[in-house]
PDB file of N, CA and C in Angstrom:
ATOM      1  N   MET A   1      48.433  48.572  46.021  1.00  0.00           N
ATOM      2  CA  MET A   1      48.692  47.762  44.844  1.00  0.00           C
ATOM      3  C   MET A   1      47.397  47.118  44.372  1.00  0.00           C
ATOM      4  N   THR A   2      47.250  47.065  43.073  1.00  0.00           N
ATOM      5  CA  THR A   2      46.081  46.394  42.516  1.00  0.00           C
ATOM      6  C   THR A   2      46.377  44.905  42.375  1.00  0.00           C
ATOM      7  N   LEU A   3      45.350  44.156  42.037  1.00  0.00           N
ATOM      8  CA  LEU A   3      45.502  42.714  41.876  1.00  0.00           C
ATOM      9  C   LEU A   3      46.468  42.377  40.747  1.00  0.00           C
ATOM     10  N   ILE A   4      46.443  43.160  39.683  1.00  0.00           N
ATOM     11  CA  ILE A   4      47.354  42.923  38.557  1.00  0.00           C
ATOM     12  C   ILE A   4      48.794  43.155  38.982  1.00  0.00           C
ATOM     13  N   GLU A   5      49.047  44.227  39.737  1.00  0.00           N
ATOM     14  CA  GLU A   5      50.404  44.511  40.186  1.00  0.00           C
ATOM     15  C   GLU A   5      50.916  43.424  41.124  1.00  0.00           C
ATOM     16  N   ILE A   6      50.049  42.937  42.011  1.00  0.00           N
ATOM     17  CA  ILE A   6      50.448  41.868  42.921  1.00  0.00           C
ATOM     18  C   ILE A   6      50.761  40.596  42.141  1.00  0.00           C
ATOM     19  N   THR A   7      49.955  40.301  41.132  1.00  0.00           N
ATOM     20  CA  THR A   7      50.192  39.118  40.295  1.00  0.00           C
ATOM     21  C   THR A   7      51.529  39.227  39.576  1.00  0.00           C
ATOM     22  N   ILE A   8      51.811  40.389  39.005  1.00  0.00           N
ATOM     23  CA  ILE A   8      53.091  40.589  38.320  1.00  0.00           C
ATOM     24  C   ILE A   8      54.242  40.467  39.312  1.00  0.00           C
ATOM     25  N   PHE A   9      54.071  41.018  40.496  1.00  0.00           N
ATOM     26  CA  PHE A   9      55.100  40.946  41.534  1.00  0.00           C
ATOM     27  C   PHE A   9      55.412  39.494  41.871  1.00  0.00           C
ATOM     28  N   ILE A  10      54.374  38.679  42.005  1.00  0.00           N
ATOM     29  CA  ILE A  10      54.565  37.264  42.328  1.00  0.00           C
ATOM     30  C   ILE A  10      55.226  36.532  41.164  1.00  0.00           C
ATOM     31  N   ILE A  11      54.803  36.811  39.940  1.00  0.00           N
ATOM     32  CA  ILE A  11      55.379  36.134  38.766  1.00  0.00           C
ATOM     33  C   ILE A  11      56.866  36.469  38.625  1.00  0.00           C
ATOM     34  N   VAL A  12      57.200  37.747  38.766  1.00  0.00           N
ATOM     35  CA  VAL A  12      58.613  38.134  38.657  1.00  0.00           C
ATOM     36  C   VAL A  12      59.417  37.504  39.788  1.00  0.00           C
ATOM     37  N   GLY A  13      58.843  37.428  40.991  1.00  0.00           N
ATOM     38  CA  GLY A  13      59.523  36.766  42.104  1.00  0.00           C
ATOM     39  C   GLY A  13      59.782  35.302  41.823  1.00  0.00           C
ATOM     40  N   LEU A  14      58.803  34.625  41.216  1.00  0.00           N
ATOM     41  CA  LEU A  14      59.001  33.215  40.851  1.00  0.00           C
ATOM     42  C   LEU A  14      60.067  33.052  39.782  1.00  0.00           C
ATOM     43  N   ILE A  15      60.109  33.974  38.837  1.00  0.00           N
ATOM     44  CA  ILE A  15      61.147  33.925  37.795  1.00  0.00           C
ATOM     45  C   ILE A  15      62.525  34.075  38.419  1.00  0.00           C
ATOM     46  N   VAL A  16      62.660  35.008  39.366  1.00  0.00           N
ATOM     47  CA  VAL A  16      63.944  35.191  40.054  1.00  0.00           C
ATOM     48  C   VAL A  16      64.323  33.914  40.799  1.00  0.00           C
ATOM     49  N   TYR A  17      63.363  33.312  41.477  1.00  0.00           N
ATOM     50  CA  TYR A  17      63.628  32.077  42.213  1.00  0.00           C
ATOM     51  C   TYR A  17      64.055  30.951  41.274  1.00  0.00           C
ATOM     52  N   ILE A  18      63.385  30.830  40.129  1.00  0.00           N
ATOM     53  CA  ILE A  18      63.736  29.780  39.159  1.00  0.00           C
ATOM     54  C   ILE A  18      65.140  30.009  38.605  1.00  0.00           C
ATOM     55  N   PHE A  19      65.500  31.279  38.339  1.00  0.00           N
ATOM     56  CA  PHE A  19      66.857  31.569  37.868  1.00  0.00           C
ATOM     57  C   PHE A  19      67.895  31.167  38.905  1.00  0.00           C
ATOM     58  N   THR A  20      67.609  31.410  40.178  1.00  0.00           N
ATOM     59  CA  THR A  20      68.581  31.016  41.204  1.00  0.00           C
ATOM     60  C   THR A  20      68.722  29.495  41.252  1.00  0.00           C
ATOM     61  N   LEU A  21      67.634  28.760  41.026  1.00  0.00           N
ATOM     62  CA  LEU A  21      67.725  27.302  41.020  1.00  0.00           C
ATOM     63  C   LEU A  21      68.462  26.795  39.787  1.00  0.00           C
ATOM     64  N   LEU A  22      68.180  27.380  38.628  1.00  0.00           N
ATOM     65  CA  LEU A  22      68.825  26.929  37.391  1.00  0.00           C
ATOM     66  C   LEU A  22      70.313  27.224  37.376  1.00  0.00           C
ATOM     67  N   LEU A  23      70.697  28.333  37.957  1.00  0.00           N
ATOM     68  CA  LEU A  23      72.110  28.711  37.942  1.00  0.00           C
ATOM     69  C   LEU A  23      72.872  28.160  39.138  1.00  0.00           C
ATOM     70  N   ASN A  24      72.179  27.419  40.018  1.00  0.00           N
ATOM     71  CA  ASN A  24      72.796  26.845  41.217  1.00  0.00           C
ATOM     72  C   ASN A  24      73.507  27.899  42.055  1.00  0.00           C
ATOM     73  N   ILE A  25      72.898  29.055  42.142  1.00  0.00           N
ATOM     74  CA  ILE A  25      73.462  30.134  42.950  1.00  0.00           C
ATOM     75  C   ILE A  25      72.922  29.980  44.362  1.00  0.00           C
ATOM     76  N   HIS A  26      73.816  30.124  45.316  1.00  0.00           N
ATOM     77  CA  HIS A  26      73.358  30.075  46.696  1.00  0.00           C
ATOM     78  C   HIS A  26      72.429  31.258  46.942  1.00  0.00           C
ATOM     79  N   PHE A  27      71.463  31.043  47.825  1.00  0.00           N
ATOM     80  CA  PHE A  27      70.413  32.034  48.016  1.00  0.00           C
ATOM     81  C   PHE A  27      70.966  33.370  48.506  1.00  0.00           C
ATOM     82  N   ASP A  28      72.038  33.356  49.307  1.00  0.00           N
ATOM     83  CA  ASP A  28      72.596  34.614  49.801  1.00  0.00           C
ATOM     84  C   ASP A  28      73.270  35.418  48.689  1.00  0.00           C
ATOM     85  N   ILE A  29      73.888  34.741  47.716  1.00  0.00           N
ATOM     86  CA  ILE A  29      74.512  35.441  46.595  1.00  0.00           C
ATOM     87  C   ILE A  29      73.444  35.946  45.623  1.00  0.00           C
ATOM     88  N   SER A  30      72.347  35.221  45.507  1.00  0.00           N
ATOM     89  CA  SER A  30      71.296  35.655  44.584  1.00  0.00           C
ATOM     90  C   SER A  30      70.687  36.985  45.012  1.00  0.00           C
ATOM     91  N   TYR A  31      70.710  37.256  46.303  1.00  0.00           N
ATOM     92  CA  TYR A  31      70.244  38.567  46.744  1.00  0.00           C
ATOM     93  C   TYR A  31      71.054  39.672  46.091  1.00  0.00           C
ATOM     94  N   LEU A  32      72.363  39.491  46.028  1.00  0.00           N
ATOM     95  CA  LEU A  32      73.244  40.519  45.469  1.00  0.00           C
ATOM     96  C   LEU A  32      73.057  40.682  43.964  1.00  0.00           C
ATOM     97  N   ILE A  33      72.697  39.601  43.283  1.00  0.00           N
ATOM     98  CA  ILE A  33      72.581  39.647  41.831  1.00  0.00           C
ATOM     99  C   ILE A  33      71.176  40.009  41.367  1.00  0.00           C
ATOM    100  N   PHE A  34      70.176  39.307  41.878  1.00  0.00           N
ATOM    101  CA  PHE A  34      68.842  39.415  41.296  1.00  0.00           C
ATOM    102  C   PHE A  34      67.941  40.456  41.953  1.00  0.00           C
ATOM    103  N   ILE A  35      68.132  40.758  43.210  1.00  0.00           N
ATOM    104  CA  ILE A  35      67.252  41.732  43.857  1.00  0.00           C
ATOM    105  C   ILE A  35      67.415  43.125  43.244  1.00  0.00           C
ATOM    106  N   PRO A  36      68.634  43.636  43.005  1.00  0.00           N
ATOM    107  CA  PRO A  36      68.718  44.939  42.310  1.00  0.00           C
ATOM    108  C   PRO A  36      68.114  44.895  40.904  1.00  0.00           C
ATOM    109  N   LEU A  37      68.329  43.771  40.207  1.00  0.00           N
ATOM    110  CA  LEU A  37      67.726  43.614  38.879  1.00  0.00           C
ATOM    111  C   LEU A  37      66.202  43.596  38.983  1.00  0.00           C
ATOM    112  N   TYR A  38      65.706  42.900  39.962  1.00  0.00           N
ATOM    113  CA  TYR A  38      64.268  42.830  40.202  1.00  0.00           C
ATOM    114  C   TYR A  38      63.695  44.206  40.526  1.00  0.00           C
ATOM    115  N   ILE A  39      64.387  44.959  41.344  1.00  0.00           N
ATOM    116  CA  ILE A  39      63.923  46.302  41.730  1.00  0.00           C
ATOM    117  C   ILE A  39      63.901  47.226  40.520  1.00  0.00           C
ATOM    118  N   MET A  40      64.846  47.064  39.605  1.00  0.00           N
ATOM    119  CA  MET A  40      64.869  47.908  38.408  1.00  0.00           C
ATOM    120  C   MET A  40      63.813  47.489  37.388  1.00  0.00           C
ATOM    121  N   LEU A  41      63.591  46.196  37.215  1.00  0.00           N
ATOM    122  CA  LEU A  41      62.672  45.719  36.187  1.00  0.00           C
ATOM    123  C   LEU A  41      61.207  45.783  36.576  1.00  0.00           C
ATOM    124  N   CYS A  42      60.906  45.664  37.844  1.00  0.00           N
ATOM    125  CA  CYS A  42      59.516  45.623  38.283  1.00  0.00           C
ATOM    126  C   CYS A  42      58.747  46.897  37.905  1.00  0.00           C
ATOM    127  N   PRO A  43      59.264  48.112  38.160  1.00  0.00           N
ATOM    128  CA  PRO A  43      58.510  49.304  37.736  1.00  0.00           C
ATOM    129  C   PRO A  43      58.354  49.400  36.225  1.00  0.00           C
ATOM    130  N   ILE A  44      59.360  48.951  35.481  1.00  0.00           N
ATOM    131  CA  ILE A  44      59.270  48.999  34.022  1.00  0.00           C
ATOM    132  C   ILE A  44      58.162  48.068  33.541  1.00  0.00           C
ATOM    133  N   VAL A  45      58.095  46.863  34.089  1.00  0.00           N
ATOM    134  CA  VAL A  45      57.053  45.914  33.712  1.00  0.00           C
ATOM    135  C   VAL A  45      55.684  46.460  34.092  1.00  0.00           C
ATOM    136  N   LEU A  46      55.567  47.052  35.275  1.00  0.00           N
ATOM    137  CA  LEU A  46      54.286  47.600  35.719  1.00  0.00           C
ATOM    138  C   LEU A  46      53.826  48.755  34.835  1.00  0.00           C
ATOM    139  N   LEU A  47      54.767  49.569  34.364  1.00  0.00           N
ATOM    140  CA  LEU A  47      54.396  50.686  33.501  1.00  0.00           C
ATOM    141  C   LEU A  47      54.023  50.219  32.094  1.00  0.00           C
ATOM    142  N   LEU A  48      54.660  49.159  31.608  1.00  0.00           N
ATOM    143  CA  LEU A  48      54.393  48.667  30.258  1.00  0.00           C
ATOM    144  C   LEU A  48      53.209  47.704  30.182  1.00  0.00           C
ATOM    145  N   PHE A  49      52.778  47.169  31.315  1.00  0.00           N
ATOM    146  CA  PHE A  49      51.716  46.165  31.318  1.00  0.00           C
ATOM    147  C   PHE A  49      50.418  46.656  30.671  1.00  0.00           C
ATOM    148  N   PRO A  50      49.882  47.833  31.014  1.00  0.00           N
ATOM    149  CA  PRO A  50      48.644  48.283  30.348  1.00  0.00           C
ATOM    150  C   PRO A  50      48.823  48.476  28.844  1.00  0.00           C
ATOM    151  N   TYR A  51      49.978  48.960  28.423  1.00  0.00           N
ATOM    152  CA  TYR A  51      50.255  49.153  27.000  1.00  0.00           C
ATOM    153  C   TYR A  51      50.257  47.811  26.269  1.00  0.00           C
ATOM    154  N   ILE A  52      50.902  46.816  26.873  1.00  0.00           N
ATOM    155  CA  ILE A  52      50.987  45.494  26.250  1.00  0.00           C
ATOM    156  C   ILE A  52      49.602  44.859  26.162  1.00  0.00           C
ATOM    157  N   ILE A  53      48.823  44.949  27.231  1.00  0.00           N
ATOM    158  CA  ILE A  53      47.472  44.382  27.222  1.00  0.00           C
ATOM    159  C   ILE A  53      46.617  45.070  26.165  1.00  0.00           C
ATOM    160  N   ASN A  54      46.738  46.391  26.039  1.00  0.00           N
ATOM    161  CA  ASN A  54      45.949  47.117  25.040  1.00  0.00           C
ATOM    162  C   ASN A  54      46.362  46.723  23.622  1.00  0.00           C
ATOM    163  N   LYS A  55      47.621  46.417  23.411  1.00  0.00           N
ATOM    164  CA  LYS A  55      48.069  45.992  22.085  1.00  0.00           C
ATOM    165  C   LYS A  55      47.643  44.564  21.781  1.00  0.00           C
ATOM    166  N   VAL A  56      47.680  43.677  22.782  1.00  0.00           N
ATOM    167  CA  VAL A  56      47.317  42.293  22.557  1.00  0.00           C
ATOM    168  C   VAL A  56      45.803  42.144  22.415  1.00  0.00           C
ATOM    169  N   LEU A  57      45.033  42.780  23.278  1.00  0.00           N
ATOM    170  CA  LEU A  57      43.573  42.738  23.216  1.00  0.00           C
ATOM    171  C   LEU A  57      43.017  44.158  23.344  1.00  0.00           C
ATOM    172  N   PRO A  58      43.091  44.956  22.307  1.00  0.00           N
ATOM    173  CA  PRO A  58      42.587  46.326  22.411  1.00  0.00           C
ATOM    174  C   PRO A  58      41.079  46.348  22.586  1.00  0.00           C
ATOM    175  N   SER A  59      40.586  47.391  23.244  1.00  0.00           N
ATOM    176  CA  SER A  59      39.163  47.424  23.550  1.00  0.00           C
ATOM    177  C   SER A  59      38.315  47.805  22.343  1.00  0.00           C
ATOM    178  N   MET A  60      38.812  48.659  21.470  1.00  0.00           N
ATOM    179  CA  MET A  60      38.035  49.095  20.302  1.00  0.00           C
ATOM    180  C   MET A  60      38.943  49.222  19.083  1.00  0.00           C
ATOM    181  N   PRO A  61      38.390  48.966  17.892  1.00  0.00           N
ATOM    182  CA  PRO A  61      39.174  49.184  16.666  1.00  0.00           C
ATOM    183  C   PRO A  61      39.159  50.665  16.292  1.00  0.00           C
ATOM    184  N   LYS A  62      39.888  51.014  15.245  1.00  0.00           N
ATOM    185  CA  LYS A  62      39.812  52.367  14.717  1.00  0.00           C
ATOM    186  C   LYS A  62      38.408  52.611  14.201  1.00  0.00           C
ATOM    187  N   CYS A  63      37.953  53.844  14.320  1.00  0.00           N
ATOM    188  CA  CYS A  63      36.622  54.150  13.784  1.00  0.00           C
ATOM    189  C   CYS A  63      36.696  54.141  12.253  1.00  0.00           C
ATOM    190  N   SER A  64      35.554  54.158  11.617  1.00  0.00           N
ATOM    191  CA  SER A  64      35.543  54.055  10.155  1.00  0.00           C
ATOM    192  C   SER A  64      36.124  55.293   9.484  1.00  0.00           C
ATOM    193  N   CYS A  65      36.234  56.406  10.220  1.00  0.00           N
ATOM    194  CA  CYS A  65      36.920  57.595   9.683  1.00  0.00           C
ATOM    195  C   CYS A  65      38.437  57.425   9.743  1.00  0.00           C
ATOM    196  N   GLY A  66      38.887  56.611  10.701  1.00  0.00           N
ATOM    197  CA  GLY A  66      40.320  56.391  10.885  1.00  0.00           C
ATOM    198  C   GLY A  66      40.967  57.347  11.865  1.00  0.00           C
ATOM    199  N   LYS A  67      40.185  58.203  12.526  1.00  0.00           N
ATOM    200  CA  LYS A  67      40.759  59.196  13.441  1.00  0.00           C
ATOM    201  C   LYS A  67      40.826  58.698  14.882  1.00  0.00           C
ATOM    202  N   CYS A  68      39.839  57.966  15.324  1.00  0.00           N
ATOM    203  CA  CYS A  68      39.769  57.512  16.720  1.00  0.00           C
ATOM    204  C   CYS A  68      40.237  56.069  16.798  1.00  0.00           C
ATOM    205  N   ASN A  69      41.299  55.828  17.566  1.00  0.00           N
ATOM    206  CA  ASN A  69      41.804  54.459  17.633  1.00  0.00           C
ATOM    207  C   ASN A  69      42.166  54.009  19.047  1.00  0.00           C
ATOM    208  N   LEU A  70      41.951  54.821  20.038  1.00  0.00           N
ATOM    209  CA  LEU A  70      42.226  54.426  21.416  1.00  0.00           C
ATOM    210  C   LEU A  70      40.929  54.395  22.200  1.00  0.00           C
ATOM    211  N   ALA A  71      40.927  53.666  23.305  1.00  0.00           N
ATOM    212  CA  ALA A  71      39.716  53.566  24.117  1.00  0.00           C
ATOM    213  C   ALA A  71      39.288  54.930  24.643  1.00  0.00           C
ATOM    214  N   LYS A  72      40.239  55.813  24.883  1.00  0.00           N
ATOM    215  CA  LYS A  72      39.892  57.138  25.419  1.00  0.00           C
ATOM    216  C   LYS A  72      39.188  58.015  24.380  1.00  0.00           C
ATOM    217  N   ASP A  73      39.230  57.637  23.112  1.00  0.00           N
ATOM    218  CA  ASP A  73      38.566  58.396  22.055  1.00  0.00           C
ATOM    219  C   ASP A  73      37.077  58.076  21.967  1.00  0.00           C
ATOM    220  N   TYR A  74      36.602  57.109  22.759  1.00  0.00           N
ATOM    221  CA  TYR A  74      35.213  56.675  22.708  1.00  0.00           C
ATOM    222  C   TYR A  74      34.527  56.925  24.049  1.00  0.00           C
ATOM    223  N   THR A  75      33.224  57.186  23.998  1.00  0.00           N
ATOM    224  CA  THR A  75      32.394  57.171  25.199  1.00  0.00           C
ATOM    225  C   THR A  75      31.440  55.995  25.060  1.00  0.00           C
ATOM    226  N   ASN A  76      31.099  55.350  26.181  1.00  0.00           N
ATOM    227  CA  ASN A  76      30.269  54.159  26.076  1.00  0.00           C
ATOM    228  C   ASN A  76      29.082  54.217  27.030  1.00  0.00           C
ATOM    229  N   ILE A  77      28.044  53.478  26.650  1.00  0.00           N
ATOM    230  CA  ILE A  77      26.834  53.340  27.446  1.00  0.00           C
ATOM    231  C   ILE A  77      26.448  51.867  27.411  1.00  0.00           C
ATOM    232  N   LYS A  78      26.255  51.260  28.582  1.00  0.00           N
ATOM    233  CA  LYS A  78      25.811  49.863  28.644  1.00  0.00           C
ATOM    234  C   LYS A  78      24.314  49.834  28.376  1.00  0.00           C
ATOM    235  N   ILE A  79      23.886  49.004  27.419  1.00  0.00           N
ATOM    236  CA  ILE A  79      22.481  49.048  27.041  1.00  0.00           C
ATOM    237  C   ILE A  79      21.665  47.883  27.588  1.00  0.00           C
ATOM    238  N   ASN A  80      22.312  46.783  27.993  1.00  0.00           N
ATOM    239  CA  ASN A  80      21.552  45.680  28.595  1.00  0.00           C
ATOM    240  C   ASN A  80      22.475  44.801  29.422  1.00  0.00           C
ATOM    241  N   GLU A  81      21.909  43.758  29.994  1.00  0.00           N
ATOM    242  CA  GLU A  81      22.665  42.864  30.876  1.00  0.00           C
ATOM    243  C   GLU A  81      23.531  41.858  30.124  1.00  0.00           C
ATOM    244  N   ASP A  82      23.410  41.798  28.805  1.00  0.00           N
ATOM    245  CA  ASP A  82      24.193  40.858  28.002  1.00  0.00           C
ATOM    246  C   ASP A  82      25.549  41.410  27.599  1.00  0.00           C
ATOM    247  N   GLU A  83      26.039  42.395  28.363  1.00  0.00           N
ATOM    248  CA  GLU A  83      27.339  43.009  28.096  1.00  0.00           C
ATOM    249  C   GLU A  83      27.408  43.651  26.718  1.00  0.00           C
ATOM    250  N   GLU A  84      26.333  44.253  26.285  1.00  0.00           N
ATOM    251  CA  GLU A  84      26.346  45.003  25.032  1.00  0.00           C
ATOM    252  C   GLU A  84      26.492  46.485  25.353  1.00  0.00           C
ATOM    253  N   TYR A  85      27.373  47.136  24.627  1.00  0.00           N
ATOM    254  CA  TYR A  85      27.648  48.558  24.845  1.00  0.00           C
ATOM    255  C   TYR A  85      27.490  49.307  23.533  1.00  0.00           C
ATOM    256  N   VAL A  86      27.064  50.551  23.635  1.00  0.00           N
ATOM    257  CA  VAL A  86      27.064  51.447  22.481  1.00  0.00           C
ATOM    258  C   VAL A  86      28.187  52.449  22.714  1.00  0.00           C
ATOM    259  N   TYR A  87      29.124  52.487  21.788  1.00  0.00           N
ATOM    260  CA  TYR A  87      30.253  53.409  21.852  1.00  0.00           C
ATOM    261  C   TYR A  87      30.038  54.524  20.841  1.00  0.00           C
ATOM    262  N   THR A  88      30.407  55.731  21.214  1.00  0.00           N
ATOM    263  CA  THR A  88      30.364  56.867  20.301  1.00  0.00           C
ATOM    264  C   THR A  88      31.779  57.425  20.206  1.00  0.00           C
ATOM    265  N   CYS A  89      32.304  57.492  18.983  1.00  0.00           N
ATOM    266  CA  CYS A  89      33.650  58.032  18.811  1.00  0.00           C
ATOM    267  C   CYS A  89      33.582  59.558  18.743  1.00  0.00           C
ATOM    268  N   GLN A  90      34.722  60.192  18.735  1.00  0.00           N
ATOM    269  CA  GLN A  90      34.771  61.653  18.698  1.00  0.00           C
ATOM    270  C   GLN A  90      34.259  62.200  17.374  1.00  0.00           C
ATOM    271  N   CYS A  91      34.228  61.378  16.350  1.00  0.00           N
ATOM    272  CA  CYS A  91      33.703  61.799  15.044  1.00  0.00           C
ATOM    273  C   CYS A  91      32.169  61.804  15.022  1.00  0.00           C
ATOM    274  N   GLY A  92      31.542  61.165  16.027  1.00  0.00           N
ATOM    275  CA  GLY A  92      30.096  61.118  16.098  1.00  0.00           C
ATOM    276  C   GLY A  92      29.486  59.810  15.621  1.00  0.00           C
ATOM    277  N   ARG A  93      30.297  58.895  15.164  1.00  0.00           N
ATOM    278  CA  ARG A  93      29.775  57.601  14.702  1.00  0.00           C
ATOM    279  C   ARG A  93      29.522  56.701  15.909  1.00  0.00           C
ATOM    280  N   LYS A  94      28.526  55.829  15.791  1.00  0.00           N
ATOM    281  CA  LYS A  94      28.154  54.942  16.888  1.00  0.00           C
ATOM    282  C   LYS A  94      28.459  53.497  16.525  1.00  0.00           C
ATOM    283  N   TYR A  95      28.894  52.756  17.558  1.00  0.00           N
ATOM    284  CA  TYR A  95      29.263  51.354  17.382  1.00  0.00           C
ATOM    285  C   TYR A  95      28.628  50.527  18.481  1.00  0.00           C
ATOM    286  N   LEU A  96      28.199  49.332  18.122  1.00  0.00           N
ATOM    287  CA  LEU A  96      27.624  48.385  19.075  1.00  0.00           C
ATOM    288  C   LEU A  96      28.644  47.280  19.305  1.00  0.00           C
ATOM    289  N   LYS A  97      29.048  47.144  20.549  1.00  0.00           N
ATOM    290  CA  LYS A  97      30.007  46.089  20.882  1.00  0.00           C
ATOM    291  C   LYS A  97      29.251  44.981  21.594  1.00  0.00           C
ATOM    292  N   ARG A  98      29.102  43.850  20.907  1.00  0.00           N
ATOM    293  CA  ARG A  98      28.328  42.733  21.438  1.00  0.00           C
ATOM    294  C   ARG A  98      29.133  41.893  22.419  1.00  0.00           C
ATOM    295  N   ASN A  99      30.392  41.728  22.175  1.00  0.00           N
ATOM    296  CA  ASN A  99      31.294  41.020  23.077  1.00  0.00           C
ATOM    297  C   ASN A  99      32.683  41.605  22.875  1.00  0.00           C
ATOM    298  N   ARG A 100      33.680  40.985  23.450  1.00  0.00           N
ATOM    299  CA  ARG A 100      35.047  41.531  23.390  1.00  0.00           C
ATOM    300  C   ARG A 100      35.599  41.536  21.964  1.00  0.00           C
ATOM    301  N   ARG A 101      35.077  40.678  21.085  1.00  0.00           N
ATOM    302  CA  ARG A 101      35.678  40.500  19.762  1.00  0.00           C
ATOM    303  C   ARG A 101      34.807  40.933  18.595  1.00  0.00           C
ATOM    304  N   GLN A 102      33.629  41.469  18.823  1.00  0.00           N
ATOM    305  CA  GLN A 102      32.736  41.839  17.728  1.00  0.00           C
ATOM    306  C   GLN A 102      32.238  43.271  17.908  1.00  0.00           C
ATOM    307  N   VAL A 103      32.444  44.108  16.894  1.00  0.00           N
ATOM    308  CA  VAL A 103      31.977  45.486  16.906  1.00  0.00           C
ATOM    309  C   VAL A 103      31.172  45.731  15.627  1.00  0.00           C
ATOM    310  N   ASP A 104      29.953  46.226  15.798  1.00  0.00           N
ATOM    311  CA  ASP A 104      29.084  46.560  14.670  1.00  0.00           C
ATOM    312  C   ASP A 104      28.889  48.070  14.634  1.00  0.00           C
ATOM    313  N   GLU A 105      28.675  48.598  13.440  1.00  0.00           N
ATOM    314  CA  GLU A 105      28.449  50.041  13.296  1.00  0.00           C
ATOM    315  C   GLU A 105      26.942  50.313  13.235  1.00  0.00           C
ATOM    316  N   ILE A 106      26.513  51.338  13.948  1.00  0.00           N
ATOM    317  CA  ILE A 106      25.114  51.761  13.925  1.00  0.00           C
ATOM    318  C   ILE A 106      25.028  52.978  13.006  1.00  0.00           C
ATOM    319  N   LEU A 107      24.321  52.830  11.916  1.00  0.00           N
ATOM    320  CA  LEU A 107      24.185  53.922  10.955  1.00  0.00           C
ATOM    321  C   LEU A 107      23.197  54.964  11.492  1.00  0.00           C
ATOM    322  N   GLN A 108      23.130  56.113  10.823  1.00  0.00           N
ATOM    323  CA  GLN A 108      22.267  57.210  11.291  1.00  0.00           C
ATOM    324  C   GLN A 108      20.789  56.841  11.262  1.00  0.00           C
ATOM    325  N   ASP A 109      20.390  55.945  10.359  1.00  0.00           N
ATOM    326  CA  ASP A 109      18.981  55.543  10.306  1.00  0.00           C
ATOM    327  C   ASP A 109      18.650  54.437  11.312  1.00  0.00           C
ATOM    328  N   GLY A 110      19.663  53.968  12.095  1.00  0.00           N
ATOM    329  CA  GLY A 110      19.439  52.969  13.136  1.00  0.00           C
ATOM    330  C   GLY A 110      19.739  51.547  12.730  1.00  0.00           C
ATOM    331  N   THR A 111      20.068  51.328  11.479  1.00  0.00           N
ATOM    332  CA  THR A 111      20.410  49.964  11.067  1.00  0.00           C
ATOM    333  C   THR A 111      21.806  49.596  11.572  1.00  0.00           C
ATOM    334  N   ILE A 112      21.971  48.331  11.827  1.00  0.00           N
ATOM    335  CA  ILE A 112      23.241  47.831  12.360  1.00  0.00           C
ATOM    336  C   ILE A 112      23.915  46.993  11.289  1.00  0.00           C
ATOM    337  N   ILE A 113      25.146  47.366  10.960  1.00  0.00           N
ATOM    338  CA  ILE A 113      25.923  46.589   9.992  1.00  0.00           C
ATOM    339  C   ILE A 113      27.183  46.066  10.678  1.00  0.00           C
ATOM    340  N   SER A 114      27.636  44.924  10.243  1.00  0.00           N
ATOM    341  CA  SER A 114      28.841  44.334  10.802  1.00  0.00           C
ATOM    342  C   SER A 114      30.036  45.202  10.426  1.00  0.00           C
ATOM    343  N   TYR A 115      30.895  45.520  11.398  1.00  0.00           N
ATOM    344  CA  TYR A 115      32.021  46.405  11.137  1.00  0.00           C
ATOM    345  C   TYR A 115      33.351  45.668  11.250  1.00  0.00           C
ATOM    346  N   MET A 116      33.770  45.314  12.451  1.00  0.00           N
ATOM    347  CA  MET A 116      35.061  44.644  12.619  1.00  0.00           C
ATOM    348  C   MET A 116      34.965  43.521  13.639  1.00  0.00           C
ATOM    349  N   LYS A 117      35.910  42.574  13.476  1.00  0.00           N
ATOM    350  CA  LYS A 117      35.972  41.432  14.371  1.00  0.00           C
ATOM    351  C   LYS A 117      37.435  41.192  14.735  1.00  0.00           C
ATOM    352  N   TRP A 118      37.680  40.888  16.016  1.00  0.00           N
ATOM    353  CA  TRP A 118      39.023  40.544  16.478  1.00  0.00           C
ATOM    354  C   TRP A 118      39.226  39.072  16.198  1.00  0.00           C
ATOM    355  N   LYS A 119      40.190  38.746  15.331  1.00  0.00           N
ATOM    356  CA  LYS A 119      40.408  37.358  14.930  1.00  0.00           C
ATOM    357  C   LYS A 119      41.771  36.896  15.411  1.00  0.00           C
ATOM    358  N   GLY A 120      41.769  35.943  16.313  1.00  0.00           N
ATOM    359  CA  GLY A 120      43.005  35.394  16.831  1.00  0.00           C
ATOM    360  C   GLY A 120      43.553  36.208  17.975  1.00  0.00           C
ATOM    361  N   LEU A 121      44.395  35.581  18.789  1.00  0.00           N
ATOM    362  CA  LEU A 121      44.935  36.250  19.970  1.00  0.00           C
ATOM    363  C   LEU A 121      45.940  37.333  19.615  1.00  0.00           C
ATOM    364  N   LEU A 122      46.818  37.070  18.673  1.00  0.00           N
ATOM    365  CA  LEU A 122      47.863  38.039  18.357  1.00  0.00           C
ATOM    366  C   LEU A 122      47.626  38.755  17.031  1.00  0.00           C
ATOM    367  N   ARG A 123      46.431  38.668  16.503  1.00  0.00           N
ATOM    368  CA  ARG A 123      46.109  39.370  15.249  1.00  0.00           C
ATOM    369  C   ARG A 123      45.517  40.727  15.567  1.00  0.00           C
ATOM    370  N   LYS A 124      45.041  41.375  14.540  1.00  0.00           N
ATOM    371  CA  LYS A 124      44.465  42.701  14.730  1.00  0.00           C
ATOM    372  C   LYS A 124      42.995  42.688  14.350  1.00  0.00           C
ATOM    373  N   TRP A 125      42.351  43.837  14.546  1.00  0.00           N
ATOM    374  CA  TRP A 125      40.964  43.986  14.116  1.00  0.00           C
ATOM    375  C   TRP A 125      40.917  43.845  12.604  1.00  0.00           C
ATOM    376  N   GLN A 126      39.956  43.070  12.114  1.00  0.00           N
ATOM    377  CA  GLN A 126      39.778  42.879  10.676  1.00  0.00           C
ATOM    378  C   GLN A 126      38.340  43.165  10.310  1.00  0.00           C
ATOM    379  N   LEU A 127      38.153  43.679   9.103  1.00  0.00           N
ATOM    380  CA  LEU A 127      36.794  43.937   8.626  1.00  0.00           C
ATOM    381  C   LEU A 127      36.023  42.633   8.611  1.00  0.00           C
ATOM    382  N   ASP A 128      34.801  42.686   9.119  1.00  0.00           N
ATOM    383  CA  ASP A 128      33.964  41.496   9.188  1.00  0.00           C
ATOM    384  C   ASP A 128      33.011  41.513   7.992  1.00  0.00           C
ATOM    385  N   ASN A 129      33.287  40.671   7.021  1.00  0.00           N
ATOM    386  CA  ASN A 129      32.460  40.631   5.802  1.00  0.00           C
ATOM    387  C   ASN A 129      31.403  39.551   5.905  1.00  0.00           C
TER     388      ASN A 129
END
């Protein structure tokens, strides 16, 4: 198990425990009710967790062509210790990612223009003007 899976396991266990306290169910009866539910929901949560994280904080925006929109569509190279990466999409365009929320486009002549910025926790990538 990875650290994320263990964390989810603990969180779901705490939720089950809180439900047993709120419903005033004796602990022996809660085994019959919540453990099968827990066993069914835990794999579903574990399978959906990467999808949810990618939707809430995706690693890269769509490329300017509009064809590449997933992290697997890009290859990356770390260029320095300041967590700056150069990403190349399948279309051949290059992007400079300065931090988790700022992506700039590198034109063919080497100039860097502002491309997109992640604004807000539950928002999407927006053009950075």
